[in-house]
């Protein structure tokens, strides 16, 4: 995670960070391991299914990379950076830090008509209120630095 401020006129602070939840991947694999027992003597299909589930979790849902600054907030998932989304600075009404309780964690990407969640853990989290009324919640390692970078970009 970095937050760099470059001196001089027209320069802005840029925040980058990555939040990873490896225990989530391990738990999802552990839950999937008993599936071959449910097979009808053929273990090939359940084992391939387990491998695919764990691979998809590692590639897409295990971590979130976020950058915040004069271009807004950019969110990328997993090792491949997909799914990805950018919220331009002119679409963001305000940015704040909230404390996300464990029961409210979406564990990955969740979308509803009024909110979008990119979360992999509980605790301090970045919340964006967009000008269209939507809220966006993003897990970042240092949400205070992300908010500071966005405030610096709008100043």
Protein backbone atom coordinates (compact mmCIF):
# COMPACT_ATOMS: atom_id res chain seq x y z
CA UNK A 1 0.00 0.00 0.00
CA UNK A 2 1.32 3.39 -0.87
CA UNK A 3 0.26 6.95 -0.60
CA UNK A 4 2.63 9.30 -2.38
CA UNK A 5 2.46 13.06 -2.53
CA UNK A 6 4.67 14.66 -5.15
CA UNK A 7 5.66 18.27 -4.46
CA UNK A 8 4.79 21.04 -6.84
CA UNK A 9 1.77 22.69 -8.41
CA UNK A 10 -0.75 20.43 -10.11
CA UNK A 11 0.49 17.36 -8.22
CA UNK A 12 -1.84 15.12 -6.22
CA UNK A 13 -1.63 12.33 -3.71
CA UNK A 14 -2.28 8.85 -5.12
CA UNK A 15 -3.27 5.95 -2.89
CA UNK A 16 -2.83 2.30 -3.89
CA UNK A 17 -3.53 -0.71 -1.74
CA UNK A 18 -4.36 -4.39 -1.87
CA UNK A 19 -6.52 -6.27 0.62
CA UNK A 20 -6.26 -10.07 0.54
CA UNK A 21 -8.31 -12.69 2.36
CA UNK A 22 -6.45 -15.99 2.07
CA UNK A 23 -8.41 -17.57 4.95
CA UNK A 24 -11.55 -17.16 2.81
CA UNK A 25 -9.95 -19.18 0.01
CA UNK A 26 -8.83 -21.87 2.44
CA UNK A 27 -12.28 -22.12 4.04
CA UNK A 28 -13.99 -22.35 0.65
CA UNK A 29 -11.59 -25.14 -0.33
CA UNK A 30 -12.16 -26.93 2.97
CA UNK A 31 -15.92 -26.75 2.50
CA UNK A 32 -15.58 -28.16 -1.01
CA UNK A 33 -13.31 -31.08 0.00
CA UNK A 34 -16.15 -33.31 1.31
CA UNK A 35 -17.92 -33.13 -2.07
CA UNK A 36 -16.16 -36.22 -3.52
CA UNK A 37 -17.68 -38.27 -0.71
CA UNK A 38 -21.09 -37.39 -2.11
CA UNK A 39 -20.10 -38.75 -5.54
CA UNK A 40 -21.52 -42.04 -6.81
CA UNK A 41 -18.19 -43.84 -6.89
CA UNK A 42 -16.77 -41.41 -9.45
CA UNK A 43 -14.44 -38.85 -7.92
CA UNK A 44 -13.36 -37.17 -11.14
CA UNK A 45 -16.21 -34.68 -11.49
CA UNK A 46 -16.25 -33.51 -7.84
CA UNK A 47 -12.45 -33.16 -7.72
CA UNK A 48 -12.44 -31.11 -10.94
CA UNK A 49 -15.27 -29.00 -9.50
CA UNK A 50 -13.25 -28.36 -6.31
CA UNK A 51 -10.20 -27.37 -8.33
CA UNK A 52 -12.24 -24.96 -10.46
CA UNK A 53 -13.90 -23.35 -7.41
CA UNK A 54 -10.56 -22.80 -5.65
CA UNK A 55 -8.95 -21.50 -8.85
CA UNK A 56 -11.79 -19.03 -9.48
CA UNK A 57 -11.56 -17.83 -5.85
CA UNK A 58 -7.82 -17.25 -6.13
CA UNK A 59 -8.04 -15.53 -9.53
CA UNK A 60 -11.02 -13.29 -8.81
CA UNK A 61 -12.33 -13.12 -5.23
CA UNK A 62 -9.35 -13.46 -2.88
CA UNK A 63 -8.01 -9.92 -3.15
CA UNK A 64 -8.96 -6.40 -4.12
CA UNK A 65 -6.53 -3.85 -5.57
CA UNK A 66 -7.65 -0.25 -5.20
CA UNK A 67 -6.24 3.07 -6.28
CA UNK A 68 -7.61 6.49 -5.37
CA UNK A 69 -6.56 9.91 -6.57
CA UNK A 70 -7.27 12.52 -9.24
CA UNK A 71 -8.78 9.89 -11.57
CA UNK A 72 -11.25 8.72 -8.91
CA UNK A 73 -11.33 5.23 -7.44
CA UNK A 74 -10.33 2.15 -9.41
CA UNK A 75 -11.15 -1.33 -8.08
CA UNK A 76 -9.72 -4.60 -9.46
CA UNK A 77 -10.28 -8.12 -8.18
CA UNK A 78 -7.85 -11.00 -7.85
CA UNK A 79 -4.72 -11.86 -9.74
CA UNK A 80 -6.26 -11.10 -13.13
CA UNK A 81 -7.73 -7.74 -12.16
CA UNK A 82 -11.23 -8.79 -13.16
CA UNK A 83 -13.91 -7.76 -12.50
CA UNK A 84 -12.81 -4.15 -12.49
CA UNK A 85 -14.56 -0.83 -12.07
CA UNK A 86 -13.56 2.83 -12.01
CA UNK A 87 -15.55 5.56 -10.29
CA UNK A 88 -14.52 8.93 -11.74
CA UNK A 89 -13.92 11.77 -9.33
CA UNK A 90 -16.81 13.83 -10.74
CA UNK A 91 -19.26 10.98 -9.90
CA UNK A 92 -18.19 10.79 -6.23
CA UNK A 93 -20.18 13.02 -3.86
CA UNK A 94 -18.24 12.08 -0.71
CA UNK A 95 -15.82 9.50 0.62
CA UNK A 96 -15.75 8.30 4.20
CA UNK A 97 -14.36 5.57 6.41
CA UNK A 98 -16.85 3.21 8.01
CA UNK A 99 -16.39 0.26 10.36
CA UNK A 100 -17.81 -2.75 8.53
CA UNK A 101 -19.10 -5.39 10.98
CA UNK A 102 -18.29 -9.05 10.17
CA UNK A 103 -21.95 -9.86 9.48
CA UNK A 104 -22.17 -7.13 6.81
CA UNK A 105 -19.20 -8.28 4.72
CA UNK A 106 -20.30 -9.27 1.22
CA UNK A 107 -17.23 -11.54 0.66
CA UNK A 108 -16.47 -10.52 -2.89
CA UNK A 109 -18.54 -8.51 -5.35
CA UNK A 110 -22.22 -7.82 -4.61
CA UNK A 111 -24.57 -5.51 -6.47
CA UNK A 112 -28.04 -4.29 -5.54
CA UNK A 113 -30.03 -1.43 -7.09
CA UNK A 114 -28.83 0.97 -4.38
CA UNK A 115 -25.33 -0.24 -3.49
CA UNK A 116 -22.24 -2.06 -4.68
CA UNK A 117 -19.87 -3.92 -2.35
CA UNK A 118 -16.30 -4.98 -3.04
CA UNK A 119 -15.35 -6.50 0.30
CA UNK A 120 -13.14 -9.35 1.50
CA UNK A 121 -12.93 -8.59 5.23
CA UNK A 122 -14.50 -6.61 8.05
CA UNK A 123 -13.06 -3.58 9.82
CA UNK A 124 -12.31 -0.05 8.58
CA UNK A 125 -13.56 0.25 5.01
CA UNK A 126 -13.85 2.92 2.31
CA UNK A 127 -17.42 3.99 1.53
CA UNK A 128 -18.21 6.18 -1.48
CA UNK A 129 -21.48 8.05 -1.85
CA UNK A 130 -22.03 8.66 -5.56
CA UNK A 131 -23.93 11.63 -6.97
CA UNK A 132 -26.65 9.29 -8.34
CA UNK A 133 -27.49 8.09 -4.79
CA UNK A 134 -25.65 4.75 -4.91
CA UNK A 135 -23.16 3.72 -2.24
CA UNK A 136 -19.99 1.79 -2.98
CA UNK A 137 -18.14 -0.07 -0.23
CA UNK A 138 -14.54 -1.14 -0.87
CA UNK A 139 -12.11 -3.04 1.35
CA UNK A 140 -8.76 -1.24 1.41
CA UNK A 141 -5.81 -1.66 3.81
CA UNK A 142 -5.78 2.03 4.81
CA UNK A 143 -9.14 3.68 4.10
CA UNK A 144 -8.07 6.93 5.80
CA UNK A 145 -5.24 7.36 3.27
CA UNK A 146 -7.66 6.64 0.40
CA UNK A 147 -10.09 9.30 1.67
CA UNK A 148 -7.21 11.76 2.10
CA UNK A 149 -6.06 11.14 -1.50
CA UNK A 150 -9.59 11.79 -2.80
CA UNK A 151 -9.92 14.97 -0.72
CA UNK A 152 -6.54 16.15 -1.99
CA UNK A 153 -7.67 15.53 -5.57
CA UNK A 154 -10.84 17.59 -5.12
CA UNK A 155 -9.10 20.46 -3.30
